[in-house]
Structures are given as structure tokens and as C-alpha cells.
Amino acid sequence: VLFRSGVFGILAIALLICADVLMRWLFNAPIRGMNEVIDVMLAVAIAGVFPAGVHRRVHLSIDLLADKLPARTVAWLTVIRDAVLLALLAVYAWSMASYAGDLGARHAQTAYLGIPQAPTAWCVSVLLWIAAAMQIVMLADRYADTQRGPHRLGLGATALLLVAVLMLCVGAAMGFNALAAQRQTAWLTLLIFCLLWVLAFSLIPLGPIMALLGLLGTGLSIGGEQAIAMAGSEISGFLSNPNVATLPLFLLMGSFAAVAGVAEDLYRLAQALLGRLKGGLAHATIGGCAGFGAVTGSSLATSATIGRAVVPEMLARGYSPALITGCVAAGGTLGTLVPPGSGPLVVFALLTEASIGQLFIASVGPAIVITLLYMLCITLYVHYLPESAPPGKPAAKGELLSALKGSGAVLVLFLVVMGGLFMGVFTATESAAVGAVGAFVVAWVRGKLKRDAFWGVMAETTQTTAMIYVLIFGALMFSFFVGLSGVVEVATKFVAELAWPKLAVVLLLLVLYVLLGTFMDSFTVMIITVPVVTPLILGMGYSLVWWGIIMLIVVEAGNISPPFGLNMFILKTLMQDVPMSTVFRGVMPFFIAALVGLGLCVLFPPIVLWLVESMPK
């Protein structure tokens, strides 16, 4: 219960927001000082997930080289990883304690209700110190593991390793200080960027790397004390952002929806509607992925969940393995694109201050276009390779009505959340709260929230929230340094001097994003690239909302791009007897279709922006 207390706080926030919405609708009497109450609760709730994240060892790292390195090396890299995370948590806790002390000295209060701000900051600091203390235990446990079996390193060798690491750190610090003292900002920035990639491929979690390198660069630029103060103010400012609750609330909605059996319901509905077509189950898979993605917002989760449901049935009916893997892997890319449950879009909004509501509405057009392109791809596939799919089978009498009844609650929930956003009835946070509570009610009414299932939802949401906010905090630290270094201005000037057409620059970036998407998920790519690339795009005069959608589409296209597309490896685990070459062959037509959809959205921006521009002002 202690480890899930943060998510319980987020669920309480959802209920409170729904109560406020109802009071406003029914009695025109919203809860007094609601925003300030939510800010206090949310800051503590988000900080409360960090001890759980430490306990569960939830870290997002690039493990591309994990299978290629010796087991002993990997074991010691994990020790270093835990040490880096400990250092980060200690810095966060220290900076928040310093910030809390400053708030207390100023007797800072909220503007409307006069709530003292220092106690909230102290609570956040204490929870971060608890997470750091737990990380010490985890680090000791990890080190003990290396002293057993083939990874054992004697006391003398360990001492030599520590001395070598210390000397390396001292040497690096001297080099950094020399560059900083000589005002060699460009070289300092380049060195930090190189270190970011080297450490990222060393299995060290991305969030801690970005945070510590950002703090290091900031400290060398303006001083260590100012860097620590910056960390505290950045974290506190982020936690007081009214949109911060949106992401964990949508994560809760997705977890409750998955437990409620939404995937099966939506797949049955798509099958009843599209089953009469040749390759009908393949079409239904794309439709089911689009529907399930709307409430989960995860590409990998959509591929895995829908894949488990449809792969056995499609194999039994004579579909070719290539078509099966292609349509399920491609359908998974709709998981983050179909609103409202798109976690990566929320992360993009939090990092760039774009409107979450506008991003969700803007994703509707591209989601429809790419879904139709995938279905066109299936139609052409079964036309030119008729042996890849059996003839269609019309739905049995009453099957469509039954499927509609089964999916009715989810469809209503989707329409309420998206309709409320589009019409301006809800803010993004309110729509997320309504979605989370609505999905909870659906799961509870269906009897799916037995004790183990409920605790499972809490644990899953806690882990995912902790992982993502470690990433976001790291991105905030790194973004501050990037802005301080002036690298964006240099890059913008460089691009301007090239005299390339703006479209050529965008195409170059898109190629880079496809390559990154082959071995990183959309969260990781956005965290790394948003601080540098987004200001460059804005400097060329493009819409921030348009770029957020384009970035998401291209990264998801990378997820089905051979040879490293992540969605394809999810399918390989579900169909272990199928050669990887077959998976590649099956997914290539869908990858081309995704690129066509991307090209249409780049060349015709109204596909992305027309709904946004028609929203009530």
C-alpha cells in the first residue's frame, strides 16, 4: 500500500476533479480553490511514486548492446546504473529541501486559499529522500549479486575499479572546468552531448543521465549552487503545472480499460463490421488496435494485447504469418496516435508547453488517414497474394448488435472525453479525470476489479508513472542547460546559412527520427530530441502542434522499420516459430503505408490542423 500511495493520490485527484466538474455543471458552483488543492495533492502524489519506482527498479534505458556485452560487464554496468540513480535522487531531494527552506523563509502562500507552500515542498523532499535511502539498499543488493557466481570481483579489484572511476571523474571535471573557465561553451556542449550518447548506450537509464549531465553543464556555466537551486525550482514549477496530472490519469484510464476487457470487445466489434471483407480479420485487427489504442496510448501494449487475442484465431483460419505479423505490428503504431490516451503527446506538451487538448484533436485526422492506408494496404495485399487470407465471412445474425452492446460503454466514454475536449467543455486534465473514473466504473460494473486485478492496476500505473517522470525531470534539467548553452541559436543560424528549403530540413530530420524509432520507443526519442529540435522547427515558422503530431507519426513508423523496429520483436515473441525474415516481409508494406501517411501530413498540414482550427475559441 505504501509503494502505491502515489497512485492512490492520483485516483483521489481524479475523483475530486470529477466532483468539481459535476458541481460546475449541475449547480454552477465549482469547488472553491480547486486548482490550488489539486496542485498540493499532485505534487505529493507524483513524488510518492518515486519510492515505488526504486523498489520495482523501473528504469528506461537503451539495451541495444545488452546481448552483445559480456555478462560480467553487464552486471557491473547495472551497479554503475544504480549508483547514478542514487546520485540523482540525492540531488533532487537536496535541491527540494533547499527550495522548501527558501519558501519557508519567505512565508510563501498560495494566492487564493493562502495554503503555505513550504510544507508541500518538504513533503516532496522527504519522499525523495526515502527513495534515495531505498536506492542505497538496492545498490548494495546489486553489488552483492556481482560478488556471487561468474561476476565476482575481489575486494582489491573493486578498490582499483573505484580508484579508476574516481580518477576518471576528477580528470573529466578538470577538463570540464577548463572548458568552462575559457568560456568554451560550444566545446562543453558538444562534449556533454557526446557523453549523453555514450552513457545511454552503456545501459545507464536515460533520465538520470540527462539530469546529471544537465546539472553538470549548468553548474560549470553559472555555478554549482545556482544549478542546485535551478533543479529545485524546475521540479517545483513542473509539479505546479496544471497539466501534470493528465498523464498519470490517462495511464490509469488505460490500465482500468485493459482490465475491463476492452481489447476483446473492440476487436469483436471490428470483426462484426469488417469480417465480410476478404482478409476481414486483418482489417478487424487494425480497427481493434485503433480502438484499443484510444484508451491505452501505448504502441507496444497495443501490439502485445491485440496480438495475444488475434494471432491464434488468424492462424487457425489460414492467414499467412507474414500478413498476421504485419497487420498486428502496424496496428500497434495506432496505439499512441489515436486520442485521447496518447502518453507521448502528453510528454511532448509538458516539455514544450503545447496545448494537450489541441494535440489530441490534431491527432484525429492523421489517425484516420493512417488507419485507412493500413486497410488499403491489406486490400492490396490479399488481392495480389490471395493465398495469404481466406474469403470473408459475414457476421452472424445479431453479432453486430451484441458487439455494439459490449463496446457501448467504451464508445460512450471515448465520445465524452473527446467531445468534451473538442467543445471546450473539459480541460485536458478534466477529460483525463473523467476518462480514468469512467474506465474504473466500467471495470467495476463488469466485476473485473477483484482484489488482485485492482492491485495490479495500481502497481502497473505506479511503475509507468515513476519511469516517465524520472525521464521528464531529466529532460527538464537537460533542457535548461541546452537553453543556457545557446546551442539552439547556433543550430538555427547554421540551418539558415545552409540556405536549404525548409522542407528539405524537415525531411532530413524525419529520416533521423525513423532511424531513432527503430531502436527507441517514442518516449525516449521525444525526451532526447525535443529540447534541440523543437525550437529549430519553430524558428522555421512551423506550428508546434503540427510538429508534435509529425514527430509522433515518424517515430511510430520507425517502430515497424526493419531491422530493429520494436513492434516487430513484440510479434516475434508471440510467434516464435516464425522466422524474423517473414516478419520483415510482412511489415514492409505497412511501413511504406505509414511513410505515405507521414508524407501526406507533411505536405498537407490541414490534415493535422483542420480540426484544431475549427475548435470553439
Foldseek 3Di string as FASTA:
>chain_A
DQLLVLVVLLLVLLVLLVVQLCCCVPPVDGDPPNLVVSLLSQLLSLLSLLLNLLVVVQFDFQCPCVVVDDPLLLLVLVLVLLVLVLVVLVLLLVLLLVVLVVQVVVQDADDGPRHRPSVSSNSSSVSSVSSSVSSVVVSVVSVVVCCDDPNRDDPVRVVVVVVVVVVVVVVVLVVLLVCLVVVVLVVNVVVLVVVLVVSRNSRRGNLSSLQVSLLSLVCSNPHNVVSSNLLNVLSSVLSSPSLPSLQLLLQLLLLLLVLLVLLVLQLLLQCQVQQQAWVSSLLSLLRSLLLSLARHQALQVSLLVSLVVRVVVQVVQQADPLQSLQSSNLSSLSSQLQYDSNNLLSLLCSLVVDASLLLNLLSHLLSVQLSVLSVVLVVVVCVVVVSNTDHGDHDDPCSNVVSCVSNVLSVVLSCCLNVCSQQVSDGSSSSSSSSSVSSNVSSVVSVSPDPVSVVVSSSVSSNVSNNLVSLSSSLSSNLVSCVVSCVLVVVLVVVVVVVDPPVVVVVVVLVVLLQVLLRDASSVVCSPPVSRVQVSNVSVPDDSSLVSSLSSLSSSLSLLAPDRRVSSVSSCVVVVVDDSVSNNVSNVSSSVSSVVSSVCCSVPVCSRCVSVVVGDD
